[in-house]
């Protein structure tokens, strides 16, 4: 993804554990693997019917800081 505009309108829950629709041209598994390897960020894949269609991103508790949200967005846009 080149920028956060690629994610615009794709957040489908306003909760801290956001579910984000994966853009069609993006490979779910490779993005999640790169986030883990390059940034030590782990995000969940969709379950059952949503597998490969959404990411589950949890930013709750101690990890719910502006710095961590910015890091996740920056990491996603760098891939």
C-alpha atoms as a PDB file:
ATOM      1  CA  UNK A   1       0.000   0.000   0.000  1.00  0.00           C
ATOM      2  CA  UNK A   2       1.340   3.393  -0.897  1.00  0.00           C
ATOM      3  CA  UNK A   3      -0.596   5.454   1.630  1.00  0.00           C
ATOM      4  CA  UNK A   4      -3.373   5.332   4.173  1.00  0.00           C
ATOM      5  CA  UNK A   5      -5.834   6.448   1.468  1.00  0.00           C
ATOM      6  CA  UNK A   6      -5.703   2.800   0.344  1.00  0.00           C
ATOM      7  CA  UNK A   7      -7.443   1.972   3.627  1.00  0.00           C
ATOM      8  CA  UNK A   8      -9.891   4.876   3.498  1.00  0.00           C
ATOM      9  CA  UNK A   9     -13.419   3.667   4.082  1.00  0.00           C
ATOM     10  CA  UNK A  10     -12.246   0.152   4.830  1.00  0.00           C
ATOM     11  CA  UNK A  11     -12.405   0.214   8.618  1.00  0.00           C
ATOM     12  CA  UNK A  12     -15.635  -1.570   9.374  1.00  0.00           C
ATOM     13  CA  UNK A  13     -15.669  -1.378  13.172  1.00  0.00           C
ATOM     14  CA  UNK A  14     -14.955   1.703  15.270  1.00  0.00           C
ATOM     15  CA  UNK A  15     -13.737  -0.449  18.182  1.00  0.00           C
ATOM     16  CA  UNK A  16     -10.114  -0.700  19.355  1.00  0.00           C
ATOM     17  CA  UNK A  17      -9.886  -4.075  17.631  1.00  0.00           C
ATOM     18  CA  UNK A  18     -10.563  -2.649  14.192  1.00  0.00           C
ATOM     19  CA  UNK A  19     -11.478  -4.878  11.306  1.00  0.00           C
ATOM     20  CA  UNK A  20     -10.019  -3.522   8.081  1.00  0.00           C
ATOM     21  CA  UNK A  21     -11.048  -4.638   4.609  1.00  0.00           C
ATOM     22  CA  UNK A  22      -7.989  -5.784   2.679  1.00  0.00           C
ATOM     23  CA  UNK A  23      -7.623  -3.958  -0.667  1.00  0.00           C
ATOM     24  CA  UNK A  24      -8.083  -6.376  -3.600  1.00  0.00           C
ATOM     25  CA  UNK A  25      -4.538  -6.077  -4.949  1.00  0.00           C
ATOM     26  CA  UNK A  26      -2.958  -6.829  -1.547  1.00  0.00           C
ATOM     27  CA  UNK A  27      -1.743 -10.304  -0.525  1.00  0.00           C
ATOM     28  CA  UNK A  28      -3.031 -10.852   3.017  1.00  0.00           C
ATOM     29  CA  UNK A  29      -0.458 -13.401   4.195  1.00  0.00           C
ATOM     30  CA  UNK A  30       2.607 -11.649   2.780  1.00  0.00           C
ATOM     31  CA  UNK A  31       1.644  -8.292   4.326  1.00  0.00           C
ATOM     32  CA  UNK A  32       1.042  -9.877   7.729  1.00  0.00           C
ATOM     33  CA  UNK A  33       4.347 -11.761   7.503  1.00  0.00           C
ATOM     34  CA  UNK A  34       6.287  -8.628   6.528  1.00  0.00           C
ATOM     35  CA  UNK A  35       4.671  -6.625   9.346  1.00  0.00           C
ATOM     36  CA  UNK A  36       5.808  -9.290  11.783  1.00  0.00           C
ATOM     37  CA  UNK A  37       9.316  -9.695  10.346  1.00  0.00           C
ATOM     38  CA  UNK A  38      10.123  -6.049   9.661  1.00  0.00           C
ATOM     39  CA  UNK A  39       8.200  -4.218  12.403  1.00  0.00           C
ATOM     40  CA  UNK A  40       7.396  -6.853  15.034  1.00  0.00           C
ATOM     41  CA  UNK A  41       3.709  -6.042  14.492  1.00  0.00           C
ATOM     42  CA  UNK A  42       1.258  -8.915  14.484  1.00  0.00           C
ATOM     43  CA  UNK A  43      -2.231  -8.464  13.069  1.00  0.00           C
ATOM     44  CA  UNK A  44      -4.873 -11.146  12.749  1.00  0.00           C
ATOM     45  CA  UNK A  45      -6.433 -12.452   9.607  1.00  0.00           C
ATOM     46  CA  UNK A  46     -10.143 -12.783   9.095  1.00  0.00           C
ATOM     47  CA  UNK A  47     -11.811 -15.915  10.366  1.00  0.00           C
ATOM     48  CA  UNK A  48     -13.989 -18.364   8.454  1.00  0.00           C
ATOM     49  CA  UNK A  49     -15.819 -16.523   5.629  1.00  0.00           C
ATOM     50  CA  UNK A  50     -13.695 -13.399   6.182  1.00  0.00           C
ATOM     51  CA  UNK A  51     -10.342 -15.185   5.845  1.00  0.00           C
ATOM     52  CA  UNK A  52      -8.231 -13.251   3.340  1.00  0.00           C
ATOM     53  CA  UNK A  53     -10.798 -10.447   3.222  1.00  0.00           C
ATOM     54  CA  UNK A  54     -10.136  -8.511   6.431  1.00  0.00           C
ATOM     55  CA  UNK A  55      -7.408  -7.874   8.973  1.00  0.00           C
ATOM     56  CA  UNK A  56      -8.134  -7.719  12.675  1.00  0.00           C
ATOM     57  CA  UNK A  57      -5.933  -5.059  14.225  1.00  0.00           C
ATOM     58  CA  UNK A  58      -5.994  -4.846  18.014  1.00  0.00           C
ATOM     59  CA  UNK A  59      -4.755  -1.692  19.694  1.00  0.00           C
ATOM     60  CA  UNK A  60      -6.091  -2.060  23.217  1.00  0.00           C
ATOM     61  CA  UNK A  61      -4.873  -1.530  26.751  1.00  0.00           C
ATOM     62  CA  UNK A  62      -1.232  -0.482  27.082  1.00  0.00           C
ATOM     63  CA  UNK A  63      -0.702  -0.761  23.339  1.00  0.00           C
ATOM     64  CA  UNK A  64      -3.460   1.737  22.578  1.00  0.00           C
ATOM     65  CA  UNK A  65      -1.335   4.833  22.183  1.00  0.00           C
ATOM     66  CA  UNK A  66      -1.127   7.433  19.455  1.00  0.00           C
ATOM     67  CA  UNK A  67       2.469   6.331  18.856  1.00  0.00           C
ATOM     68  CA  UNK A  68       1.455   2.694  18.243  1.00  0.00           C
ATOM     69  CA  UNK A  69      -1.445   3.622  15.978  1.00  0.00           C
ATOM     70  CA  UNK A  70       0.927   5.815  13.955  1.00  0.00           C
ATOM     71  CA  UNK A  71       3.480   2.977  13.816  1.00  0.00           C
ATOM     72  CA  UNK A  72       0.914   0.520  12.440  1.00  0.00           C
ATOM     73  CA  UNK A  73      -0.242   3.012   9.800  1.00  0.00           C
ATOM     74  CA  UNK A  74       3.334   3.880   8.863  1.00  0.00           C
ATOM     75  CA  UNK A  75       4.254   0.197   8.601  1.00  0.00           C
ATOM     76  CA  UNK A  76       1.235  -0.594   6.426  1.00  0.00           C
ATOM     77  CA  UNK A  77       1.986   2.264   4.057  1.00  0.00           C
ATOM     78  CA  UNK A  78       5.632   1.272   3.728  1.00  0.00           C
ATOM     79  CA  UNK A  79       4.876  -2.196   2.363  1.00  0.00           C
END
